[in-house]
Amino acid sequence: MEHIELFFKSIFIDNMVFATFLGMCSYLAVSKKVTTSVGMGAAVVFVLGITVPLNWLLDQYILQPGALSWLGADFASYDLSFLSFIMFIATIATMVQLVEIVIEKFSPSLYNSLGIFLPLIAVNCAILGGSLFMQSREIASIDLAFNYGISSGIGWFLAILAIAAIREKIRYSSVPAPLRGLGITFIITGLMAIGFMSFGGMLTGGDEAKEEKKEVVEKSVILEDKLSDDTTTTELDDKLTQAN
């Protein structure tokens, strides 16, 4: 259940683009065609899915205060958390280079269409944000970190795919001249972000219902106990008042 909740929350509620507005440069620049957006989105999903769990391992066993205790008692007091940004970016840059080599080898047309924005994934704030959010939210295990990386990438992928499809269709619409280009794209992005905000209650409504059900059950138990003990009506009313 924890994996399912994290998966849907990362895609719809904490979407990298619509909730935190990370990775906007690539999101705006590479979203003119659906085919290009699919390639960029797939690359982001792959890089996030690999770098987030790798950086989780680095954080757990190297960077956190006392993380080097596995090397011996002499290293237990070491705190290398100030190296987090450097280590995370080094891991991300390595994976981006691997993706760039693979795409250039197997899909030269996609490699040319992505242009400079493919190597710039290394400094894409959405990629680094995934690792930093993983660290700040204290993801408990490597499988949850992998889940978070993949789901965050899918959320970014859906965002750029949706805006690319809209931008392809909007070319044939009579958009006012001052709003053509990035103007109407920003407006659409804002409206999509508002729409994604509606998913905020998707995982909270169930919790509220559980709390209400729990209160009803507790009151019922009190009622049954007191009736079995031949409690007077006045005493029972006092107990229910206290429970409320």
C-alpha atoms as a PDB file:
ATOM      1  CA  MET A   1       0.000   0.000   0.000  1.00  0.00           C
ATOM      2  CA  GLU A   2       2.870   2.362   0.770  1.00  0.00           C
ATOM      3  CA  HIS A   3       4.322   1.842  -2.709  1.00  0.00           C
ATOM      4  CA  ILE A   4       0.965   2.484  -4.406  1.00  0.00           C
ATOM      5  CA  GLU A   5       0.369   5.636  -2.367  1.00  0.00           C
ATOM      6  CA  LEU A   6       3.860   6.978  -3.122  1.00  0.00           C
ATOM      7  CA  PHE A   7       3.460   6.143  -6.819  1.00  0.00           C
ATOM      8  CA  PHE A   8       0.201   8.025  -7.354  1.00  0.00           C
ATOM      9  CA  LYS A   9       1.166  10.873  -5.038  1.00  0.00           C
ATOM     10  CA  SER A  10       4.411  11.515  -6.928  1.00  0.00           C
ATOM     11  CA  ILE A  11       2.631  11.526 -10.296  1.00  0.00           C
ATOM     12  CA  PHE A  12      -0.507  13.535  -9.581  1.00  0.00           C
ATOM     13  CA  ILE A  13      -0.173  15.405  -6.274  1.00  0.00           C
ATOM     14  CA  ASP A  14       3.570  16.210  -6.082  1.00  0.00           C
ATOM     15  CA  ASN A  15       4.063  16.467  -9.842  1.00  0.00           C
ATOM     16  CA  MET A  16       7.500  17.891 -10.641  1.00  0.00           C
ATOM     17  CA  VAL A  17       6.139  20.408 -13.132  1.00  0.00           C
ATOM     18  CA  PHE A  18       2.705  21.357 -11.842  1.00  0.00           C
ATOM     19  CA  ALA A  19       3.379  21.235  -8.085  1.00  0.00           C
ATOM     20  CA  THR A  20       7.003  22.395  -7.770  1.00  0.00           C
ATOM     21  CA  PHE A  21       7.629  23.858 -11.301  1.00  0.00           C
ATOM     22  CA  LEU A  22      10.952  22.027 -11.675  1.00  0.00           C
ATOM     23  CA  GLY A  23      12.436  21.264 -15.077  1.00  0.00           C
ATOM     24  CA  MET A  24      10.579  24.106 -16.775  1.00  0.00           C
ATOM     25  CA  CYS A  25      13.377  24.932 -19.249  1.00  0.00           C
ATOM     26  CA  SER A  26      13.242  21.546 -20.971  1.00  0.00           C
ATOM     27  CA  TYR A  27       9.483  21.403 -20.457  1.00  0.00           C
ATOM     28  CA  LEU A  28       8.979  24.598 -22.472  1.00  0.00           C
ATOM     29  CA  ALA A  29      11.737  24.174 -25.037  1.00  0.00           C
ATOM     30  CA  VAL A  30      11.268  20.530 -26.073  1.00  0.00           C
ATOM     31  CA  SER A  31       7.462  20.387 -25.985  1.00  0.00           C
ATOM     32  CA  LYS A  32       6.788  21.632 -29.504  1.00  0.00           C
ATOM     33  CA  LYS A  33       6.343  18.102 -30.915  1.00  0.00           C
ATOM     34  CA  VAL A  34       4.918  14.978 -29.277  1.00  0.00           C
ATOM     35  CA  THR A  35       7.636  12.697 -30.690  1.00  0.00           C
ATOM     36  CA  THR A  36      10.403  14.861 -29.238  1.00  0.00           C
ATOM     37  CA  SER A  37       8.583  15.112 -25.917  1.00  0.00           C
ATOM     38  CA  VAL A  38       8.250  11.331 -25.686  1.00  0.00           C
ATOM     39  CA  GLY A  39      12.006  10.918 -26.161  1.00  0.00           C
ATOM     40  CA  MET A  40      12.858  13.568 -23.591  1.00  0.00           C
ATOM     41  CA  GLY A  41      10.279  12.224 -21.122  1.00  0.00           C
ATOM     42  CA  ALA A  42      11.589   8.671 -21.454  1.00  0.00           C
ATOM     43  CA  ALA A  43      15.141   9.915 -20.848  1.00  0.00           C
ATOM     44  CA  VAL A  44      14.025  11.768 -17.709  1.00  0.00           C
ATOM     45  CA  VAL A  45      12.187   8.685 -16.390  1.00  0.00           C
ATOM     46  CA  PHE A  46      15.292   6.550 -16.937  1.00  0.00           C
ATOM     47  CA  VAL A  47      17.688   9.026 -15.326  1.00  0.00           C
ATOM     48  CA  LEU A  48      15.423   9.593 -12.298  1.00  0.00           C
ATOM     49  CA  GLY A  49      14.802   5.847 -11.911  1.00  0.00           C
ATOM     50  CA  ILE A  50      18.542   5.171 -11.749  1.00  0.00           C
ATOM     51  CA  THR A  51      19.914   8.225  -9.949  1.00  0.00           C
ATOM     52  CA  VAL A  52      17.398   8.458  -7.085  1.00  0.00           C
ATOM     53  CA  PRO A  53      18.138   4.953  -5.668  1.00  0.00           C
ATOM     54  CA  LEU A  54      21.865   5.402  -6.325  1.00  0.00           C
ATOM     55  CA  ASN A  55      21.858   8.698  -4.475  1.00  0.00           C
ATOM     56  CA  TRP A  56      19.819   7.044  -1.698  1.00  0.00           C
ATOM     57  CA  LEU A  57      22.660   4.580  -1.218  1.00  0.00           C
ATOM     58  CA  LEU A  58      25.198   7.409  -1.216  1.00  0.00           C
ATOM     59  CA  ASP A  59      23.128   9.319   1.329  1.00  0.00           C
ATOM     60  CA  GLN A  60      22.584   6.332   3.633  1.00  0.00           C
ATOM     61  CA  TYR A  61      26.111   4.902   3.623  1.00  0.00           C
ATOM     62  CA  ILE A  62      28.370   7.892   2.943  1.00  0.00           C
ATOM     63  CA  LEU A  63      26.809  11.334   3.330  1.00  0.00           C
ATOM     64  CA  GLN A  64      24.601  11.274   6.429  1.00  0.00           C
ATOM     65  CA  PRO A  65      26.113  12.032   9.867  1.00  0.00           C
ATOM     66  CA  GLY A  66      27.483   8.755  11.189  1.00  0.00           C
ATOM     67  CA  ALA A  67      26.853   6.948   7.891  1.00  0.00           C
ATOM     68  CA  LEU A  68      30.492   5.821   7.718  1.00  0.00           C
ATOM     69  CA  SER A  69      30.180   3.771  10.906  1.00  0.00           C
ATOM     70  CA  TRP A  70      30.260   0.630   8.745  1.00  0.00           C
ATOM     71  CA  LEU A  71      33.971   1.395   8.174  1.00  0.00           C
ATOM     72  CA  GLY A  72      34.664   1.319  11.898  1.00  0.00           C
ATOM     73  CA  ALA A  73      34.121   3.223  15.118  1.00  0.00           C
ATOM     74  CA  ASP A  74      36.728   5.836  14.141  1.00  0.00           C
ATOM     75  CA  PHE A  75      34.546   7.000  11.225  1.00  0.00           C
ATOM     76  CA  ALA A  76      31.247   7.159  13.117  1.00  0.00           C
ATOM     77  CA  SER A  77      31.625  10.874  13.892  1.00  0.00           C
ATOM     78  CA  TYR A  78      32.200  11.908  10.277  1.00  0.00           C
ATOM     79  CA  ASP A  79      29.579  14.126   8.607  1.00  0.00           C
ATOM     80  CA  LEU A  80      29.881  14.415   4.821  1.00  0.00           C
ATOM     81  CA  SER A  81      26.425  15.882   4.198  1.00  0.00           C
ATOM     82  CA  PHE A  82      28.046  19.050   2.784  1.00  0.00           C
ATOM     83  CA  LEU A  83      29.064  16.926  -0.242  1.00  0.00           C
ATOM     84  CA  SER A  84      25.464  16.023  -1.118  1.00  0.00           C
ATOM     85  CA  PHE A  85      25.115  18.401  -4.065  1.00  0.00           C
ATOM     86  CA  ILE A  86      28.466  17.399  -5.583  1.00  0.00           C
ATOM     87  CA  MET A  87      27.881  13.666  -5.207  1.00  0.00           C
ATOM     88  CA  PHE A  88      24.312  13.830  -6.480  1.00  0.00           C
ATOM     89  CA  ILE A  89      25.241  15.875  -9.549  1.00  0.00           C
ATOM     90  CA  ALA A  90      28.185  13.549 -10.314  1.00  0.00           C
ATOM     91  CA  THR A  91      25.846  10.550 -10.282  1.00  0.00           C
ATOM     92  CA  ILE A  92      23.313  12.376 -12.468  1.00  0.00           C
ATOM     93  CA  ALA A  93      25.952  13.504 -14.973  1.00  0.00           C
ATOM     94  CA  THR A  94      27.238   9.936 -15.322  1.00  0.00           C
ATOM     95  CA  MET A  95      23.765   8.574 -16.074  1.00  0.00           C
ATOM     96  CA  VAL A  96      23.012  11.393 -18.525  1.00  0.00           C
ATOM     97  CA  GLN A  97      26.177  10.626 -20.456  1.00  0.00           C
ATOM     98  CA  LEU A  98      25.087   6.997 -20.666  1.00  0.00           C
ATOM     99  CA  VAL A  99      21.633   8.003 -21.951  1.00  0.00           C
ATOM    100  CA  GLU A 100      23.189  10.370 -24.485  1.00  0.00           C
ATOM    101  CA  ILE A 101      25.460   7.637 -25.858  1.00  0.00           C
ATOM    102  CA  VAL A 102      22.579   5.146 -26.136  1.00  0.00           C
ATOM    103  CA  ILE A 103      20.226   7.595 -27.889  1.00  0.00           C
ATOM    104  CA  GLU A 104      22.934   8.741 -30.301  1.00  0.00           C
ATOM    105  CA  LYS A 105      23.666   5.108 -31.156  1.00  0.00           C
ATOM    106  CA  PHE A 106      20.128   3.797 -31.649  1.00  0.00           C
ATOM    107  CA  SER A 107      18.121   6.925 -32.594  1.00  0.00           C
ATOM    108  CA  PRO A 108      20.211   9.612 -34.299  1.00  0.00           C
ATOM    109  CA  SER A 109      17.100  11.520 -35.406  1.00  0.00           C
ATOM    110  CA  LEU A 110      15.850  11.815 -31.807  1.00  0.00           C
ATOM    111  CA  TYR A 111      19.358  12.745 -30.683  1.00  0.00           C
ATOM    112  CA  ASN A 112      19.447  15.599 -33.226  1.00  0.00           C
ATOM    113  CA  SER A 113      15.934  16.796 -32.366  1.00  0.00           C
ATOM    114  CA  LEU A 114      16.697  16.950 -28.646  1.00  0.00           C
ATOM    115  CA  GLY A 115      19.877  18.889 -29.368  1.00  0.00           C
ATOM    116  CA  ILE A 116      21.552  20.648 -26.458  1.00  0.00           C
ATOM    117  CA  PHE A 117      18.700  19.830 -24.086  1.00  0.00           C
ATOM    118  CA  LEU A 118      19.717  16.162 -23.824  1.00  0.00           C
ATOM    119  CA  PRO A 119      23.098  16.792 -22.141  1.00  0.00           C
ATOM    120  CA  LEU A 120      21.432  19.579 -20.157  1.00  0.00           C
ATOM    121  CA  ILE A 121      19.419  16.901 -18.330  1.00  0.00           C
ATOM    122  CA  ALA A 122      22.499  16.733 -16.093  1.00  0.00           C
ATOM    123  CA  VAL A 123      21.644  20.185 -14.755  1.00  0.00           C
ATOM    124  CA  ASN A 124      17.869  19.785 -15.036  1.00  0.00           C
ATOM    125  CA  CYS A 125      16.506  20.911 -11.676  1.00  0.00           C
ATOM    126  CA  ALA A 126      13.816  18.208 -11.849  1.00  0.00           C
ATOM    127  CA  ILE A 127      16.491  15.488 -11.829  1.00  0.00           C
ATOM    128  CA  LEU A 128      18.412  17.009  -8.923  1.00  0.00           C
ATOM    129  CA  GLY A 129      15.119  17.843  -7.203  1.00  0.00           C
ATOM    130  CA  GLY A 130      14.158  14.159  -7.213  1.00  0.00           C
ATOM    131  CA  SER A 131      17.277  13.241  -5.244  1.00  0.00           C
ATOM    132  CA  LEU A 132      16.966  16.204  -2.879  1.00  0.00           C
ATOM    133  CA  PHE A 133      13.291  15.474  -2.202  1.00  0.00           C
ATOM    134  CA  MET A 134      14.229  11.857  -1.565  1.00  0.00           C
ATOM    135  CA  GLN A 135      16.750  13.055   1.011  1.00  0.00           C
ATOM    136  CA  SER A 136      14.526  15.670   2.687  1.00  0.00           C
ATOM    137  CA  ARG A 137      11.481  13.382   2.859  1.00  0.00           C
ATOM    138  CA  GLU A 138      13.617  10.619   4.376  1.00  0.00           C
ATOM    139  CA  ILE A 139      12.598   7.822   2.026  1.00  0.00           C
ATOM    140  CA  ALA A 140      12.922   4.686   4.151  1.00  0.00           C
ATOM    141  CA  SER A 141      14.247   2.052   1.728  1.00  0.00           C
ATOM    142  CA  ILE A 142      15.926   1.682  -1.647  1.00  0.00           C
ATOM    143  CA  ASP A 143      12.824   0.124  -3.226  1.00  0.00           C
ATOM    144  CA  LEU A 144      10.769   3.151  -2.168  1.00  0.00           C
ATOM    145  CA  ALA A 145      13.515   5.395  -3.567  1.00  0.00           C
ATOM    146  CA  PHE A 146      13.331   3.537  -6.887  1.00  0.00           C
ATOM    147  CA  ASN A 147       9.538   3.851  -6.825  1.00  0.00           C
ATOM    148  CA  TYR A 148       9.802   7.572  -6.121  1.00  0.00           C
ATOM    149  CA  GLY A 149      12.316   8.098  -8.936  1.00  0.00           C
ATOM    150  CA  ILE A 150      10.229   6.249 -11.522  1.00  0.00           C
ATOM    151  CA  SER A 151       6.924   7.833 -10.477  1.00  0.00           C
ATOM    152  CA  SER A 152       8.404  11.343 -10.399  1.00  0.00           C
ATOM    153  CA  GLY A 153       9.788  10.766 -13.877  1.00  0.00           C
ATOM    154  CA  ILE A 154       6.412   9.524 -15.100  1.00  0.00           C
ATOM    155  CA  GLY A 155       4.790  12.648 -13.680  1.00  0.00           C
ATOM    156  CA  TRP A 156       7.237  14.855 -15.597  1.00  0.00           C
ATOM    157  CA  PHE A 157       6.732  12.685 -18.694  1.00  0.00           C
ATOM    158  CA  LEU A 158       2.937  13.116 -18.559  1.00  0.00           C
ATOM    159  CA  ALA A 159       3.307  16.866 -18.106  1.00  0.00           C
ATOM    160  CA  ILE A 160       5.544  17.407 -21.135  1.00  0.00           C
ATOM    161  CA  LEU A 161       3.502  14.962 -23.238  1.00  0.00           C
ATOM    162  CA  ALA A 162       0.257  16.769 -22.404  1.00  0.00           C
ATOM    163  CA  ILE A 163       1.601  20.240 -23.185  1.00  0.00           C
ATOM    164  CA  ALA A 164       3.205  18.978 -26.429  1.00  0.00           C
ATOM    165  CA  ALA A 165      -0.112  17.517 -27.613  1.00  0.00           C
ATOM    166  CA  ILE A 166      -1.905  20.776 -26.783  1.00  0.00           C
ATOM    167  CA  ARG A 167       0.744  22.896 -28.519  1.00  0.00           C
ATOM    168  CA  GLU A 168       0.488  20.790 -31.664  1.00  0.00           C
ATOM    169  CA  LYS A 169      -3.291  21.295 -31.772  1.00  0.00           C
ATOM    170  CA  ILE A 170      -3.174  24.966 -30.841  1.00  0.00           C
ATOM    171  CA  ARG A 171      -1.171  25.792 -33.968  1.00  0.00           C
ATOM    172  CA  TYR A 172      -4.407  25.583 -35.901  1.00  0.00           C
ATOM    173  CA  SER A 173      -6.289  27.818 -33.463  1.00  0.00           C
ATOM    174  CA  SER A 174      -6.765  31.568 -33.707  1.00  0.00           C
ATOM    175  CA  VAL A 175      -4.660  32.574 -30.709  1.00  0.00           C
ATOM    176  CA  PRO A 176      -4.334  36.355 -30.242  1.00  0.00           C
ATOM    177  CA  ALA A 177      -0.999  37.595 -31.589  1.00  0.00           C
ATOM    178  CA  PRO A 178       0.389  38.834 -28.212  1.00  0.00           C
ATOM    179  CA  LEU A 179      -0.195  35.400 -26.647  1.00  0.00           C
ATOM    180  CA  ARG A 180       1.289  33.228 -29.366  1.00  0.00           C
ATOM    181  CA  GLY A 181       4.273  31.080 -28.448  1.00  0.00           C
ATOM    182  CA  LEU A 182       5.327  30.991 -24.815  1.00  0.00           C
ATOM    183  CA  GLY A 183       2.513  33.296 -23.706  1.00  0.00           C
ATOM    184  CA  ILE A 184      -0.300  30.846 -24.340  1.00  0.00           C
ATOM    185  CA  THR A 185       1.948  27.984 -23.190  1.00  0.00           C
ATOM    186  CA  PHE A 186       2.365  29.603 -19.761  1.00  0.00           C
ATOM    187  CA  ILE A 187      -1.385  30.147 -19.491  1.00  0.00           C
ATOM    188  CA  ILE A 188      -2.114  26.512 -20.390  1.00  0.00           C
ATOM    189  CA  THR A 189       0.521  25.311 -17.928  1.00  0.00           C
ATOM    190  CA  GLY A 190      -1.071  27.355 -15.158  1.00  0.00           C
ATOM    191  CA  LEU A 191      -4.515  25.949 -15.945  1.00  0.00           C
ATOM    192  CA  MET A 192      -3.119  22.405 -15.992  1.00  0.00           C
ATOM    193  CA  ALA A 193      -1.443  23.031 -12.633  1.00  0.00           C
ATOM    194  CA  ILE A 194      -4.774  24.152 -11.186  1.00  0.00           C
ATOM    195  CA  GLY A 195      -6.347  20.983 -12.573  1.00  0.00           C
ATOM    196  CA  PHE A 196      -3.673  18.799 -10.968  1.00  0.00           C
ATOM    197  CA  MET A 197      -4.303  20.524  -7.636  1.00  0.00           C
ATOM    198  CA  SER A 198      -7.682  18.789  -7.583  1.00  0.00           C
ATOM    199  CA  PHE A 199      -5.854  15.496  -7.055  1.00  0.00           C
ATOM    200  CA  GLY A 200      -4.732  16.778  -3.644  1.00  0.00           C
ATOM    201  CA  GLY A 201      -7.694  15.177  -1.886  1.00  0.00           C
ATOM    202  CA  MET A 202      -7.206  11.821  -3.586  1.00  0.00           C
ATOM    203  CA  LEU A 203      -5.158  10.366  -0.713  1.00  0.00           C
ATOM    204  CA  THR A 204      -6.534  12.457   2.152  1.00  0.00           C
ATOM    205  CA  GLY A 205     -10.239  11.733   1.896  1.00  0.00           C
ATOM    206  CA  GLY A 206      -9.703   8.126   2.901  1.00  0.00           C
ATOM    207  CA  ASP A 207      -7.784   9.129   6.023  1.00  0.00           C
ATOM    208  CA  GLU A 208     -10.588  11.448   7.160  1.00  0.00           C
ATOM    209  CA  ALA A 209     -13.163   8.705   6.607  1.00  0.00           C
ATOM    210  CA  LYS A 210     -11.069   6.294   8.651  1.00  0.00           C
ATOM    211  CA  GLU A 211     -10.855   8.771  11.525  1.00  0.00           C
ATOM    212  CA  GLU A 212     -14.621   9.294  11.509  1.00  0.00           C
ATOM    213  CA  LYS A 213     -15.224   5.549  11.433  1.00  0.00           C
ATOM    214  CA  LYS A 214     -12.794   5.095  14.310  1.00  0.00           C
ATOM    215  CA  GLU A 215     -14.675   7.656  16.420  1.00  0.00           C
ATOM    216  CA  VAL A 216     -18.012   5.926  15.733  1.00  0.00           C
ATOM    217  CA  VAL A 217     -16.573   2.550  16.718  1.00  0.00           C
ATOM    218  CA  GLU A 218     -15.103   3.937  19.951  1.00  0.00           C
ATOM    219  CA  LYS A 219     -18.462   5.468  20.915  1.00  0.00           C
ATOM    220  CA  SER A 220     -20.251   2.196  20.135  1.00  0.00           C
ATOM    221  CA  VAL A 221     -17.846   0.243  22.331  1.00  0.00           C
ATOM    222  CA  ILE A 222     -18.405   2.646  25.206  1.00  0.00           C
ATOM    223  CA  LEU A 223     -22.179   2.303  24.762  1.00  0.00           C
ATOM    224  CA  GLU A 224     -22.078  -1.498  24.720  1.00  0.00           C
ATOM    225  CA  ASP A 225     -19.808  -1.681  27.770  1.00  0.00           C
ATOM    226  CA  LYS A 226     -21.975   0.626  29.811  1.00  0.00           C
ATOM    227  CA  LEU A 227     -25.226  -1.075  28.871  1.00  0.00           C
ATOM    228  CA  SER A 228     -23.781  -4.444  29.862  1.00  0.00           C
ATOM    229  CA  ASP A 229     -22.798  -3.021  33.244  1.00  0.00           C
ATOM    230  CA  ASP A 230     -26.378  -1.722  33.842  1.00  0.00           C
ATOM    231  CA  THR A 231     -25.120   1.820  33.771  1.00  0.00           C
ATOM    232  CA  THR A 232     -27.703   4.473  34.384  1.00  0.00           C
ATOM    233  CA  THR A 233     -28.740   6.801  31.577  1.00  0.00           C
ATOM    234  CA  THR A 234     -27.184   9.818  33.292  1.00  0.00           C
ATOM    235  CA  GLU A 235     -23.809   8.099  33.699  1.00  0.00           C
ATOM    236  CA  LEU A 236     -23.900   6.915  30.075  1.00  0.00           C
ATOM    237  CA  ASP A 237     -24.608  10.446  28.832  1.00  0.00           C
ATOM    238  CA  ASP A 238     -21.638  11.714  30.873  1.00  0.00           C
ATOM    239  CA  LYS A 239     -19.321   9.098  29.332  1.00  0.00           C
ATOM    240  CA  LEU A 240     -20.440   9.892  25.791  1.00  0.00           C
ATOM    241  CA  THR A 241     -19.964  13.619  26.455  1.00  0.00           C
ATOM    242  CA  GLN A 242     -16.411  12.959  27.638  1.00  0.00           C
ATOM    243  CA  ALA A 243     -15.736  10.801  24.545  1.00  0.00           C
ATOM    244  CA  ASN A 244     -16.843  13.659  22.289  1.00  0.00           C
END
